[in-house]
Amino acid sequence: MAKIVKVIEVLSESPRSWEDAVQGVVDEASKTLRNIRSVYIKEFTAAVENKKVTGYRVNAKVTFEMERGK
């Protein structure tokens, strides 16, 4: 049986790390989505102030499986 999946883009930022920013994507998406299957990181960027990295940003694609009616 084929599965129906959907992909959405989610942006997240963390002052600690890119890994923390990715977890932020999953945490936020999980508030309204079920059956999250994967996260593809499309882009990594960082904010810089006074020669220091102050924020880690990710643009991620979240894939989740759609539920079927019975």
PDB file of N, CA and C in Angstrom:
ATOM      1  N   MET A   1       0.846  -1.171   0.000  1.00  0.00           N
ATOM      2  CA  MET A   1       0.000   0.000   0.000  1.00  0.00           C
ATOM      3  C   MET A   1       0.898   1.243   0.000  1.00  0.00           C
ATOM      4  N   ALA A   2       0.598   2.182  -0.863  1.00  0.00           N
ATOM      5  CA  ALA A   2       1.352   3.434  -0.930  1.00  0.00           C
ATOM      6  C   ALA A   2       0.983   4.322   0.245  1.00  0.00           C
ATOM      7  N   LYS A   3       1.942   5.125   0.665  1.00  0.00           N
ATOM      8  CA  LYS A   3       1.700   6.087   1.746  1.00  0.00           C
ATOM      9  C   LYS A   3       1.622   7.480   1.146  1.00  0.00           C
ATOM     10  N   ILE A   4       0.773   8.298   1.710  1.00  0.00           N
ATOM     11  CA  ILE A   4       0.658   9.690   1.297  1.00  0.00           C
ATOM     12  C   ILE A   4       1.437  10.520   2.308  1.00  0.00           C
ATOM     13  N   VAL A   5       2.413  11.281   1.831  1.00  0.00           N
ATOM     14  CA  VAL A   5       3.190  12.145   2.715  1.00  0.00           C
ATOM     15  C   VAL A   5       3.084  13.583   2.226  1.00  0.00           C
ATOM     16  N   LYS A   6       3.328  14.493   3.135  1.00  0.00           N
ATOM     17  CA  LYS A   6       3.305  15.916   2.815  1.00  0.00           C
ATOM     18  C   LYS A   6       4.596  16.522   3.343  1.00  0.00           C
ATOM     19  N   VAL A   7       5.081  17.558   2.671  1.00  0.00           N
ATOM     20  CA  VAL A   7       6.311  18.237   3.069  1.00  0.00           C
ATOM     21  C   VAL A   7       6.003  19.715   3.285  1.00  0.00           C
ATOM     22  N   ILE A   8       6.434  20.241   4.438  1.00  0.00           N
ATOM     23  CA  ILE A   8       6.284  21.671   4.713  1.00  0.00           C
ATOM     24  C   ILE A   8       7.652  22.240   5.068  1.00  0.00           C
ATOM     25  N   GLU A   9       7.815  23.540   4.919  1.00  0.00           N
ATOM     26  CA  GLU A   9       9.056  24.202   5.311  1.00  0.00           C
ATOM     27  C   GLU A   9       8.856  24.912   6.633  1.00  0.00           C
ATOM     28  N   VAL A  10       9.853  24.781   7.505  1.00  0.00           N
ATOM     29  CA  VAL A  10       9.804  25.414   8.824  1.00  0.00           C
ATOM     30  C   VAL A  10      11.159  26.065   9.081  1.00  0.00           C
ATOM     31  N   LEU A  11      11.140  27.280   9.594  1.00  0.00           N
ATOM     32  CA  LEU A  11      12.362  27.995   9.966  1.00  0.00           C
ATOM     33  C   LEU A  11      12.492  27.993  11.479  1.00  0.00           C
ATOM     34  N   SER A  12      13.734  27.893  11.960  1.00  0.00           N
ATOM     35  CA  SER A  12      13.963  27.916  13.401  1.00  0.00           C
ATOM     36  C   SER A  12      15.312  28.564  13.679  1.00  0.00           C
ATOM     37  N   GLU A  13      15.423  29.159  14.873  1.00  0.00           N
ATOM     38  CA  GLU A  13      16.672  29.800  15.286  1.00  0.00           C
ATOM     39  C   GLU A  13      16.959  29.454  16.737  1.00  0.00           C
ATOM     40  N   SER A  14      18.248  29.309  17.041  1.00  0.00           N
ATOM     41  CA  SER A  14      18.678  29.016  18.403  1.00  0.00           C
ATOM     42  C   SER A  14      19.935  29.824  18.712  1.00  0.00           C
ATOM     43  N   PRO A  15      20.088  30.280  19.938  1.00  0.00           N
ATOM     44  CA  PRO A  15      21.335  30.956  20.317  1.00  0.00           C
ATOM     45  C   PRO A  15      22.449  29.965  20.649  1.00  0.00           C
ATOM     46  N   ARG A  16      22.136  28.649  20.722  1.00  0.00           N
ATOM     47  CA  ARG A  16      23.115  27.643  21.152  1.00  0.00           C
ATOM     48  C   ARG A  16      23.802  26.884  20.026  1.00  0.00           C
ATOM     49  N   SER A  17      23.003  26.310  19.087  1.00  0.00           N
ATOM     50  CA  SER A  17      23.606  25.459  18.050  1.00  0.00           C
ATOM     51  C   SER A  17      22.615  25.188  16.924  1.00  0.00           C
ATOM     52  N   TRP A  18      23.161  24.665  15.803  1.00  0.00           N
ATOM     53  CA  TRP A  18      22.284  24.262  14.714  1.00  0.00           C
ATOM     54  C   TRP A  18      21.446  23.056  15.134  1.00  0.00           C
ATOM     55  N   GLU A  19      22.041  22.148  15.913  1.00  0.00           N
ATOM     56  CA  GLU A  19      21.289  20.987  16.384  1.00  0.00           C
ATOM     57  C   GLU A  19      20.082  21.426  17.217  1.00  0.00           C
ATOM     58  N   ASP A  20      20.271  22.416  18.041  1.00  0.00           N
ATOM     59  CA  ASP A  20      19.174  22.937  18.856  1.00  0.00           C
ATOM     60  C   ASP A  20      18.110  23.597  17.971  1.00  0.00           C
ATOM     61  N   ALA A  21      18.558  24.269  16.918  1.00  0.00           N
ATOM     62  CA  ALA A  21      17.608  24.884  15.980  1.00  0.00           C
ATOM     63  C   ALA A  21      16.788  23.802  15.270  1.00  0.00           C
ATOM     64  N   VAL A  22      17.436  22.684  14.902  1.00  0.00           N
ATOM     65  CA  VAL A  22      16.715  21.577  14.265  1.00  0.00           C
ATOM     66  C   VAL A  22      15.704  20.976  15.233  1.00  0.00           C
ATOM     67  N   GLN A  23      16.094  20.813  16.487  1.00  0.00           N
ATOM     68  CA  GLN A  23      15.155  20.285  17.479  1.00  0.00           C
ATOM     69  C   GLN A  23      13.979  21.240  17.636  1.00  0.00           C
ATOM     70  N   GLY A  24      14.245  22.539  17.513  1.00  0.00           N
ATOM     71  CA  GLY A  24      13.166  23.528  17.557  1.00  0.00           C
ATOM     72  C   GLY A  24      12.170  23.336  16.422  1.00  0.00           C
ATOM     73  N   VAL A  25      12.670  22.969  15.237  1.00  0.00           N
ATOM     74  CA  VAL A  25      11.789  22.670  14.107  1.00  0.00           C
ATOM     75  C   VAL A  25      10.865  21.510  14.457  1.00  0.00           C
ATOM     76  N   VAL A  26      11.449  20.434  14.988  1.00  0.00           N
ATOM     77  CA  VAL A  26      10.658  19.247  15.329  1.00  0.00           C
ATOM     78  C   VAL A  26       9.670  19.557  16.449  1.00  0.00           C
ATOM     79  N   ASP A  27      10.129  20.280  17.467  1.00  0.00           N
ATOM     80  CA  ASP A  27       9.244  20.631  18.581  1.00  0.00           C
ATOM     81  C   ASP A  27       8.052  21.458  18.106  1.00  0.00           C
ATOM     82  N   GLU A  28       8.309  22.447  17.270  1.00  0.00           N
ATOM     83  CA  GLU A  28       7.241  23.329  16.794  1.00  0.00           C
ATOM     84  C   GLU A  28       6.286  22.583  15.865  1.00  0.00           C
ATOM     85  N   ALA A  29       6.841  21.822  14.925  1.00  0.00           N
ATOM     86  CA  ALA A  29       5.994  21.072  13.990  1.00  0.00           C
ATOM     87  C   ALA A  29       5.141  20.041  14.725  1.00  0.00           C
ATOM     88  N   SER A  30       5.689  19.438  15.772  1.00  0.00           N
ATOM     89  CA  SER A  30       4.968  18.415  16.539  1.00  0.00           C
ATOM     90  C   SER A  30       3.749  18.958  17.273  1.00  0.00           C
ATOM     91  N   LYS A  31       3.674  20.263  17.432  1.00  0.00           N
ATOM     92  CA  LYS A  31       2.516  20.855  18.104  1.00  0.00           C
ATOM     93  C   LYS A  31       1.243  20.700  17.278  1.00  0.00           C
ATOM     94  N   THR A  32       1.384  20.642  15.951  1.00  0.00           N
ATOM     95  CA  THR A  32       0.203  20.562  15.090  1.00  0.00           C
ATOM     96  C   THR A  32       0.223  19.381  14.132  1.00  0.00           C
ATOM     97  N   LEU A  33       1.333  18.670  14.024  1.00  0.00           N
ATOM     98  CA  LEU A  33       1.437  17.550  13.087  1.00  0.00           C
ATOM     99  C   LEU A  33       1.681  16.243  13.826  1.00  0.00           C
ATOM    100  N   ARG A  34       1.148  15.169  13.264  1.00  0.00           N
ATOM    101  CA  ARG A  34       1.455  13.834  13.767  1.00  0.00           C
ATOM    102  C   ARG A  34       2.205  13.091  12.672  1.00  0.00           C
ATOM    103  N   ASN A  35       2.825  12.016  13.025  1.00  0.00           N
ATOM    104  CA  ASN A  35       3.483  11.127  12.064  1.00  0.00           C
ATOM    105  C   ASN A  35       4.642  11.791  11.311  1.00  0.00           C
ATOM    106  N   ILE A  36       5.414  12.624  12.002  1.00  0.00           N
ATOM    107  CA  ILE A  36       6.599  13.217  11.375  1.00  0.00           C
ATOM    108  C   ILE A  36       7.587  12.095  11.104  1.00  0.00           C
ATOM    109  N   ARG A  37       8.074  12.031   9.869  1.00  0.00           N
ATOM    110  CA  ARG A  37       8.963  10.948   9.462  1.00  0.00           C
ATOM    111  C   ARG A  37      10.408  11.390   9.265  1.00  0.00           C
ATOM    112  N   SER A  38      10.621  12.638   8.836  1.00  0.00           N
ATOM    113  CA  SER A  38      11.996  13.084   8.605  1.00  0.00           C
ATOM    114  C   SER A  38      12.072  14.605   8.562  1.00  0.00           C
ATOM    115  N   VAL A  39      13.298  15.086   8.730  1.00  0.00           N
ATOM    116  CA  VAL A  39      13.593  16.510   8.614  1.00  0.00           C
ATOM    117  C   VAL A  39      14.803  16.633   7.686  1.00  0.00           C
ATOM    118  N   TYR A  40      14.639  17.381   6.612  1.00  0.00           N
ATOM    119  CA  TYR A  40      15.715  17.631   5.664  1.00  0.00           C
ATOM    120  C   TYR A  40      16.154  19.080   5.848  1.00  0.00           C
ATOM    121  N   ILE A  41      17.418  19.289   6.148  1.00  0.00           N
ATOM    122  CA  ILE A  41      17.908  20.651   6.344  1.00  0.00           C
ATOM    123  C   ILE A  41      18.297  21.226   4.988  1.00  0.00           C
ATOM    124  N   LYS A  42      17.532  22.207   4.577  1.00  0.00           N
ATOM    125  CA  LYS A  42      17.727  22.850   3.274  1.00  0.00           C
ATOM    126  C   LYS A  42      18.845  23.886   3.326  1.00  0.00           C
ATOM    127  N   GLU A  43      18.941  24.584   4.464  1.00  0.00           N
ATOM    128  CA  GLU A  43      19.904  25.683   4.556  1.00  0.00           C
ATOM    129  C   GLU A  43      20.305  25.932   6.007  1.00  0.00           C
ATOM    130  N   PHE A  44      21.583  26.180   6.207  1.00  0.00           N
ATOM    131  CA  PHE A  44      22.124  26.608   7.497  1.00  0.00           C
ATOM    132  C   PHE A  44      22.610  28.046   7.348  1.00  0.00           C
ATOM    133  N   THR A  45      22.272  28.923   8.286  1.00  0.00           N
ATOM    134  CA  THR A  45      22.823  30.275   8.312  1.00  0.00           C
ATOM    135  C   THR A  45      23.106  30.646   9.760  1.00  0.00           C
ATOM    136  N   ALA A  46      23.916  31.682   9.935  1.00  0.00           N
ATOM    137  CA  ALA A  46      24.234  32.131  11.287  1.00  0.00           C
ATOM    138  C   ALA A  46      24.170  33.651  11.340  1.00  0.00           C
ATOM    139  N   ALA A  47      23.680  34.168  12.455  1.00  0.00           N
ATOM    140  CA  ALA A  47      23.682  35.611  12.696  1.00  0.00           C
ATOM    141  C   ALA A  47      24.991  35.960  13.395  1.00  0.00           C
ATOM    142  N   VAL A  48      25.579  37.087  13.021  1.00  0.00           N
ATOM    143  CA  VAL A  48      26.861  37.506  13.600  1.00  0.00           C
ATOM    144  C   VAL A  48      26.744  38.944  14.095  1.00  0.00           C
ATOM    145  N   GLU A  49      27.248  39.166  15.313  1.00  0.00           N
ATOM    146  CA  GLU A  49      27.338  40.511  15.880  1.00  0.00           C
ATOM    147  C   GLU A  49      28.692  40.648  16.564  1.00  0.00           C
ATOM    148  N   ASN A  50      29.380  41.735  16.290  1.00  0.00           N
ATOM    149  CA  ASN A  50      30.681  42.000  16.909  1.00  0.00           C
ATOM    150  C   ASN A  50      31.635  40.812  16.810  1.00  0.00           C
ATOM    151  N   LYS A  51      31.734  40.256  15.616  1.00  0.00           N
ATOM    152  CA  LYS A  51      32.646  39.152  15.314  1.00  0.00           C
ATOM    153  C   LYS A  51      32.316  37.849  16.037  1.00  0.00           C
ATOM    154  N   LYS A  52      31.098  37.730  16.558  1.00  0.00           N
ATOM    155  CA  LYS A  52      30.683  36.513  17.263  1.00  0.00           C
ATOM    156  C   LYS A  52      29.375  35.994  16.677  1.00  0.00           C
ATOM    157  N   VAL A  53      29.269  34.685  16.596  1.00  0.00           N
ATOM    158  CA  VAL A  53      28.013  34.071  16.155  1.00  0.00           C
ATOM    159  C   VAL A  53      27.010  34.200  17.295  1.00  0.00           C
ATOM    160  N   THR A  54      25.873  34.797  16.978  1.00  0.00           N
ATOM    161  CA  THR A  54      24.853  35.032  18.012  1.00  0.00           C
ATOM    162  C   THR A  54      23.585  34.215  17.799  1.00  0.00           C
ATOM    163  N   GLY A  55      23.455  33.595  16.645  1.00  0.00           N
ATOM    164  CA  GLY A  55      22.266  32.800  16.386  1.00  0.00           C
ATOM    165  C   GLY A  55      22.503  31.797  15.280  1.00  0.00           C
ATOM    166  N   TYR A  56      21.950  30.619  15.448  1.00  0.00           N
ATOM    167  CA  TYR A  56      22.058  29.540  14.468  1.00  0.00           C
ATOM    168  C   TYR A  56      20.683  29.327  13.871  1.00  0.00           C
ATOM    169  N   ARG A  57      20.609  29.394  12.548  1.00  0.00           N
ATOM    170  CA  ARG A  57      19.309  29.320  11.873  1.00  0.00           C
ATOM    171  C   ARG A  57      19.288  28.155  10.892  1.00  0.00           C
ATOM    172  N   VAL A  58      18.141  27.496  10.817  1.00  0.00           N
ATOM    173  CA  VAL A  58      17.949  26.444   9.817  1.00  0.00           C
ATOM    174  C   VAL A  58      16.647  26.673   9.078  1.00  0.00           C
ATOM    175  N   ASN A  59      16.675  26.331   7.816  1.00  0.00           N
ATOM    176  CA  ASN A  59      15.479  26.267   6.985  1.00  0.00           C
ATOM    177  C   ASN A  59      15.310  24.789   6.694  1.00  0.00           C
ATOM    178  N   ALA A  60      14.255  24.181   7.208  1.00  0.00           N
ATOM    179  CA  ALA A  60      14.091  22.734   7.130  1.00  0.00           C
ATOM    180  C   ALA A  60      12.808  22.339   6.423  1.00  0.00           C
ATOM    181  N   LYS A  61      12.858  21.183   5.776  1.00  0.00           N
ATOM    182  CA  LYS A  61      11.672  20.573   5.194  1.00  0.00           C
ATOM    183  C   LYS A  61      11.285  19.409   6.095  1.00  0.00           C
ATOM    184  N   VAL A  62      10.057  19.446   6.572  1.00  0.00           N
ATOM    185  CA  VAL A  62       9.540  18.412   7.471  1.00  0.00           C
ATOM    186  C   VAL A  62       8.587  17.532   6.668  1.00  0.00           C
ATOM    187  N   THR A  63       8.832  16.220   6.698  1.00  0.00           N
ATOM    188  CA  THR A  63       7.982  15.257   5.986  1.00  0.00           C
ATOM    189  C   THR A  63       7.150  14.509   7.017  1.00  0.00           C
ATOM    190  N   PHE A  64       5.837  14.453   6.757  1.00  0.00           N
ATOM    191  CA  PHE A  64       4.966  13.725   7.661  1.00  0.00           C
ATOM    192  C   PHE A  64       3.966  12.906   6.860  1.00  0.00           C
ATOM    193  N   GLU A  65       3.562  11.794   7.442  1.00  0.00           N
ATOM    194  CA  GLU A  65       2.641  10.889   6.773  1.00  0.00           C
ATOM    195  C   GLU A  65       1.211  11.321   7.061  1.00  0.00           C
ATOM    196  N   MET A  66       0.412  11.387   6.010  1.00  0.00           N
ATOM    197  CA  MET A  66      -0.991  11.746   6.154  1.00  0.00           C
ATOM    198  C   MET A  66      -1.770  10.540   6.679  1.00  0.00           C
ATOM    199  N   GLU A  67      -2.802  10.813   7.473  1.00  0.00           N
ATOM    200  CA  GLU A  67      -3.645   9.738   7.993  1.00  0.00           C
ATOM    201  C   GLU A  67      -4.770   9.475   7.003  1.00  0.00           C
ATOM    202  N   ARG A  68      -5.104   8.232   6.877  1.00  0.00           N
ATOM    203  CA  ARG A  68      -6.176   7.842   5.958  1.00  0.00           C
ATOM    204  C   ARG A  68      -7.456   7.590   6.750  1.00  0.00           C
ATOM    205  N   GLY A  69      -8.563   7.943   6.150  1.00  0.00           N
ATOM    206  CA  GLY A  69      -9.862   7.615   6.744  1.00  0.00           C
ATOM    207  C   GLY A  69     -10.136   6.130   6.609  1.00  0.00           C
ATOM    208  N   LYS A  70     -10.972   5.612   7.444  1.00  0.00           N
ATOM    209  CA  LYS A  70     -11.250   4.163   7.388  1.00  0.00           C
ATOM    210  C   LYS A  70     -12.413   3.850   6.501  1.00  0.00           C
TER     211      LYS A  70
END
